[in-house]
Protein backbone atom coordinates (compact mmCIF):
# COMPACT_ATOMS: atom_id res chain seq x y z
CA UNK A 1 0.03 0.03 0.14
CA UNK A 2 0.81 3.65 -0.99
CA UNK A 3 0.15 6.39 1.46
CA UNK A 4 -2.28 8.80 -0.65
CA UNK A 5 -0.98 12.66 -0.78
CA UNK A 6 -2.03 14.69 2.36
CA UNK A 7 -3.48 17.86 0.84
CA UNK A 8 -6.24 19.47 2.25
CA UNK A 9 -6.28 22.48 4.23
CA UNK A 10 -5.10 22.68 8.12
CA UNK A 11 -7.36 22.84 10.66
CA UNK A 12 -6.28 24.03 13.87
CA UNK A 13 -7.45 23.15 17.49
CA UNK A 14 -6.20 24.81 20.77
CA UNK A 15 -6.02 22.71 23.94
CA UNK A 16 -4.96 25.54 26.64
CA UNK A 17 -2.65 24.29 29.56
CA UNK A 18 -2.31 25.52 33.13
CA UNK A 19 1.35 25.42 33.21
CA UNK A 20 3.16 29.14 33.56
CA UNK A 21 4.59 29.81 29.73
CA UNK A 22 7.68 28.94 29.75
CA UNK A 23 7.66 26.51 32.95
CA UNK A 24 8.21 23.60 31.05
CA UNK A 25 11.00 21.86 29.81
CA UNK A 26 11.49 20.52 25.91
CA UNK A 27 11.61 17.07 27.33
CA UNK A 28 7.80 17.91 29.37
CA UNK A 29 6.95 19.57 25.77
CA UNK A 30 7.80 16.64 24.09
CA UNK A 31 6.28 14.32 26.63
CA UNK A 32 2.74 16.06 26.18
CA UNK A 33 3.27 15.45 22.22
CA UNK A 34 3.34 12.26 22.20
CA UNK A 35 1.22 11.13 24.89
CA UNK A 36 -1.51 13.38 23.16
CA UNK A 37 -0.55 11.09 19.78
CA UNK A 38 -1.37 7.90 21.68
CA UNK A 39 -4.61 8.99 22.60
CA UNK A 40 -5.31 8.40 18.98
CA UNK A 41 -4.13 4.67 19.18
CA UNK A 42 -6.74 1.85 19.89
CA UNK A 43 -6.38 -1.76 20.88
CA UNK A 44 -6.02 -4.05 17.64
CA UNK A 45 -4.25 -1.58 15.84
CA UNK A 46 -0.76 -1.83 13.87
CA UNK A 47 1.12 1.06 14.94
CA UNK A 48 4.43 2.28 13.44
CA UNK A 49 7.21 3.32 15.74
CA UNK A 50 8.97 6.71 15.17
CA UNK A 51 13.10 7.14 16.07
CA UNK A 52 14.29 9.91 17.87
CA UNK A 53 13.61 12.29 21.52
CA UNK A 54 10.43 12.74 20.94
CA UNK A 55 9.15 9.77 19.30
CA UNK A 56 10.92 8.03 22.46
CA UNK A 57 7.78 9.39 24.76
CA UNK A 58 5.20 7.74 22.59
CA UNK A 59 6.87 4.27 22.85
CA UNK A 60 7.17 4.42 26.32
CA UNK A 61 3.36 5.18 26.56
CA UNK A 62 2.12 2.57 24.52
CA UNK A 63 4.66 0.16 26.51
CA UNK A 64 2.88 1.22 29.97
CA UNK A 65 -0.77 1.38 28.42
CA UNK A 66 0.03 -2.19 27.20
CA UNK A 67 1.16 -2.97 30.42
CA UNK A 68 -1.59 -2.00 32.55
CA UNK A 69 -4.20 -3.75 30.03
CA UNK A 70 -5.40 -0.36 28.67
CA UNK A 71 -4.12 -1.33 25.57
CA UNK A 72 -4.59 -4.50 24.16
CA UNK A 73 -3.30 -6.61 20.71
CA UNK A 74 -0.94 -3.96 19.59
CA UNK A 75 1.60 -4.90 16.85
CA UNK A 76 4.04 -2.26 16.14
CA UNK A 77 6.37 -1.81 13.43
CA UNK A 78 9.87 0.10 14.52
CA UNK A 79 11.79 2.46 12.32
CA UNK A 80 15.13 2.00 13.76
CA UNK A 81 17.36 -1.04 15.40
CA UNK A 82 17.08 1.63 18.59
CA UNK A 83 13.17 1.92 18.34
CA UNK A 84 13.53 -2.03 18.17
CA UNK A 85 15.13 -2.13 21.15
CA UNK A 86 13.34 -0.04 23.28
CA UNK A 87 9.92 -1.79 22.12
CA UNK A 88 11.57 -4.80 23.13
CA UNK A 89 12.19 -3.95 26.51
CA UNK A 90 8.46 -2.77 26.98
CA UNK A 91 7.51 -6.17 25.53
CA UNK A 92 5.82 -4.26 22.57
CA UNK A 93 5.00 -6.78 20.41
CA UNK A 94 7.00 -6.16 17.07
CA UNK A 95 6.58 -7.04 13.20
CA UNK A 96 8.08 -5.57 10.31
CA UNK A 97 6.29 -4.22 6.94
CA UNK A 98 6.88 -7.92 5.31
CA UNK A 99 4.52 -9.23 7.87
CA UNK A 100 2.59 -6.20 8.38
CA UNK A 101 2.33 -3.99 5.14
CA UNK A 102 -0.97 -2.12 6.18
CA UNK A 103 0.02 0.09 9.31
CA UNK A 104 -2.75 1.61 10.82
CA UNK A 105 -1.64 4.57 12.48
CA UNK A 106 2.33 5.95 12.99
CA UNK A 107 3.45 8.04 15.36
CA UNK A 108 7.02 10.08 14.97
CA UNK A 109 8.75 13.52 15.52
CA UNK A 110 10.11 15.82 13.23
CA UNK A 111 12.84 18.50 12.69
CA UNK A 112 10.93 20.76 10.95
CA UNK A 113 7.39 21.75 10.09
CA UNK A 114 6.54 24.09 7.92
CA UNK A 115 2.69 25.66 8.06
CA UNK A 116 1.51 23.12 5.20
CA UNK A 117 2.83 20.23 7.66
CA UNK A 118 5.67 19.59 5.56
CA UNK A 119 8.48 18.45 7.17
CA UNK A 120 12.36 17.71 7.36
CA UNK A 121 13.31 14.43 9.05
CA UNK A 122 16.29 12.24 9.72
CA UNK A 123 18.68 14.16 11.76
CA UNK A 124 18.44 10.73 14.10
CA UNK A 125 19.58 8.83 11.22
CA UNK A 126 16.89 6.92 10.42
CA UNK A 127 15.40 8.65 7.90
CA UNK A 128 14.63 5.93 4.93
CA UNK A 129 12.86 3.61 7.72
CA UNK A 130 10.71 6.02 8.79
CA UNK A 131 9.49 7.10 5.64
CA UNK A 132 8.82 3.25 4.69
CA UNK A 133 6.49 2.76 7.49
CA UNK A 134 4.92 6.03 7.51
CA UNK A 135 4.15 5.85 3.60
CA UNK A 136 2.38 2.60 4.89
CA UNK A 137 0.40 3.77 7.48
CA UNK A 138 -3.29 5.15 6.75
CA UNK A 139 -2.32 7.95 9.59
CA UNK A 140 0.63 9.56 10.18
CA UNK A 141 1.03 11.68 13.20
CA UNK A 142 3.75 14.16 13.90
CA UNK A 143 4.62 15.55 17.03
CA UNK A 144 6.71 18.09 18.14
CA UNK A 145 7.41 21.20 20.51
CA UNK A 146 7.27 24.60 19.17
CA UNK A 147 10.79 25.18 18.56
CA UNK A 148 10.30 22.92 15.39
CA UNK A 149 7.92 25.12 13.36
CA UNK A 150 9.40 27.18 10.13
CA UNK A 151 7.84 29.31 8.13
CA UNK A 152 9.74 27.46 5.32
CA UNK A 153 11.76 23.93 5.15
CA UNK A 154 15.76 24.58 5.74
CA UNK A 155 14.62 27.66 7.84
CA UNK A 156 16.88 26.23 10.89
CA UNK A 157 19.41 25.90 9.27
CA UNK A 158 20.59 22.88 10.73
CA UNK A 159 20.80 19.86 8.97
CA UNK A 160 18.59 18.42 5.69
CA UNK A 161 19.97 14.68 5.60
CA UNK A 162 20.28 12.62 2.17
CA UNK A 163 20.82 8.65 3.16
CA UNK A 164 23.51 7.98 0.23
CA UNK A 165 25.19 4.80 -1.08
CA UNK A 166 29.03 4.63 0.37
CA UNK A 167 30.25 4.05 -3.03
CA UNK A 168 31.22 6.91 -4.36
CA UNK A 169 30.09 8.85 -1.73
CA UNK A 170 32.49 11.87 -2.27
CA UNK A 171 31.35 12.22 -6.30
CA UNK A 172 27.16 12.31 -4.49
CA UNK A 173 28.26 14.79 -2.11
CA UNK A 174 29.28 16.94 -5.13
CA UNK A 175 26.33 16.35 -7.06
CA UNK A 176 24.22 17.45 -4.58
CA UNK A 177 26.00 20.64 -3.89
CA UNK A 178 25.48 21.31 -7.47
CA UNK A 179 21.64 20.91 -7.49
CA UNK A 180 20.17 24.35 -9.07
CA UNK A 181 16.97 23.26 -6.75
CA UNK A 182 19.15 23.82 -3.65
CA UNK A 183 21.67 26.34 -4.70
CA UNK A 184 23.41 28.15 -1.78
CA UNK A 185 23.43 24.97 0.02
CA UNK A 186 26.64 23.57 1.85
CA UNK A 187 26.97 19.21 1.82
CA UNK A 188 28.80 17.75 4.53
CA UNK A 189 29.16 14.29 4.80
CA UNK A 190 28.10 13.25 8.47
CA UNK A 191 30.29 12.20 10.80
CA UNK A 192 29.82 9.89 14.05
CA UNK A 193 30.74 10.73 17.47
CA UNK A 194 34.22 8.90 17.31
CA UNK A 195 35.12 10.98 14.00
CA UNK A 196 34.37 8.20 11.46
CA UNK A 197 31.84 8.43 8.96
CA UNK A 198 27.97 7.78 10.23
CA UNK A 199 26.77 4.88 9.09
CA UNK A 200 22.92 4.24 9.21
CA UNK A 201 20.78 1.11 10.18
CA UNK A 202 20.95 0.25 6.30
CA UNK A 203 24.54 0.62 5.83
CA UNK A 204 24.91 4.18 4.07
CA UNK A 205 26.19 7.39 4.47
CA UNK A 206 24.42 10.43 5.31
CA UNK A 207 25.46 13.72 3.31
CA UNK A 208 23.64 16.63 5.76
CA UNK A 209 22.73 20.07 3.20
CA UNK A 210 22.72 23.47 5.41
CA UNK A 211 20.92 26.57 4.03
CA UNK A 212 21.28 30.10 4.99
CA UNK A 213 17.53 30.53 4.11
CA UNK A 214 14.74 28.47 3.80
CA UNK A 215 14.46 26.48 0.22
CA UNK A 216 12.29 28.08 -2.35
CA UNK A 217 11.01 25.03 -3.74
CA UNK A 218 11.12 21.67 -1.48
CA UNK A 219 9.08 19.82 -3.80
CA UNK A 220 11.46 20.47 -6.68
CA UNK A 221 14.38 19.73 -4.23
CA UNK A 222 12.79 16.57 -3.67
CA UNK A 223 12.63 15.55 -7.19
CA UNK A 224 15.83 16.79 -8.10
CA UNK A 225 17.55 14.66 -4.84
CA UNK A 226 15.88 11.36 -5.96
CA UNK A 227 16.99 11.94 -9.63
CA UNK A 228 20.64 11.25 -8.92
CA UNK A 229 21.61 7.35 -9.09
CA UNK A 230 23.15 6.80 -5.73
CA UNK A 231 20.52 8.36 -3.52
CA UNK A 232 18.49 6.24 -1.03
CA UNK A 233 16.11 8.71 0.49
CA UNK A 234 15.84 12.07 1.44
CA UNK A 235 14.80 14.05 5.11
CA UNK A 236 11.73 15.93 3.32
CA UNK A 237 8.50 14.19 3.79
CA UNK A 238 6.52 16.16 1.88
CA UNK A 239 2.37 15.85 1.70
CA UNK A 240 2.44 12.90 4.27
CA UNK A 241 1.46 14.57 7.61
CA UNK A 242 -2.14 14.17 8.73
CA UNK A 243 -2.01 15.66 12.24
CA UNK A 244 0.53 17.55 14.12
CA UNK A 245 0.37 17.83 17.26
CA UNK A 246 2.68 20.78 18.72
CA UNK A 247 3.17 20.90 22.35
CA UNK A 248 3.92 24.64 24.19
CA UNK A 249 3.68 25.71 27.66
CA UNK A 250 0.79 27.12 26.46
CA UNK A 251 -1.16 24.04 25.72
CA UNK A 252 -1.29 21.83 22.62
CA UNK A 253 -1.97 22.81 18.76
CA UNK A 254 -3.37 19.84 16.73
CA UNK A 255 -2.95 20.93 13.29
CA UNK A 256 -4.97 18.48 10.94
CA UNK A 257 -5.18 18.05 7.23
CA UNK A 258 -8.89 17.57 6.28
CA UNK A 259 -9.36 15.27 3.28
């Protein structure tokens, strides 16, 4: 199953909070968004489990509800080895897309969210598996804190990741940097903490693109990037988000695409 593009108008619902402005830590905000998203999970569902610091709280909450019996008969499809390890520690039943090709709901974080709910994802390195699982999901819920909101993708001036093959990686790094659709960006191969090149769960490298200003046309950039041989996947998640839950001290904002 391939997910249909989510292109409707964005409806906004604001749920107020009793917390004083600025009183909640970023982790507390992430937890708020994650717990709200898990309210959409019902017993008997197949659930895509995202990767990263915000998705971590959603996985933990699902494990908690399964342990208490409030949720039953859940099957989860993780998007990374790290998420798989966390889910196993919580006794969450797991599967892959090979055995569960249709997912009811996926919950994951994002690195940037624009006003149309398009995303930059993958700074945690799991972009390929995240996109595969979320494209197989009937409903994709993105969970973020308010610091991830941007007027245009690339606006944070932080990495927009692209997973590439190890074979001739320098060749592809140069080709990516020279694409007219990402003109002005700086392309760098990602390094791990030990100074060696970062290797994804799939055995690939990541090239990170850094922009001084938002991309003029993220859709054109996505097409151009995908057109290069050796590119495995990019971190532009366009027209995929059904619901975005944004946590702030003032409360939770739910943005939902109409269908």
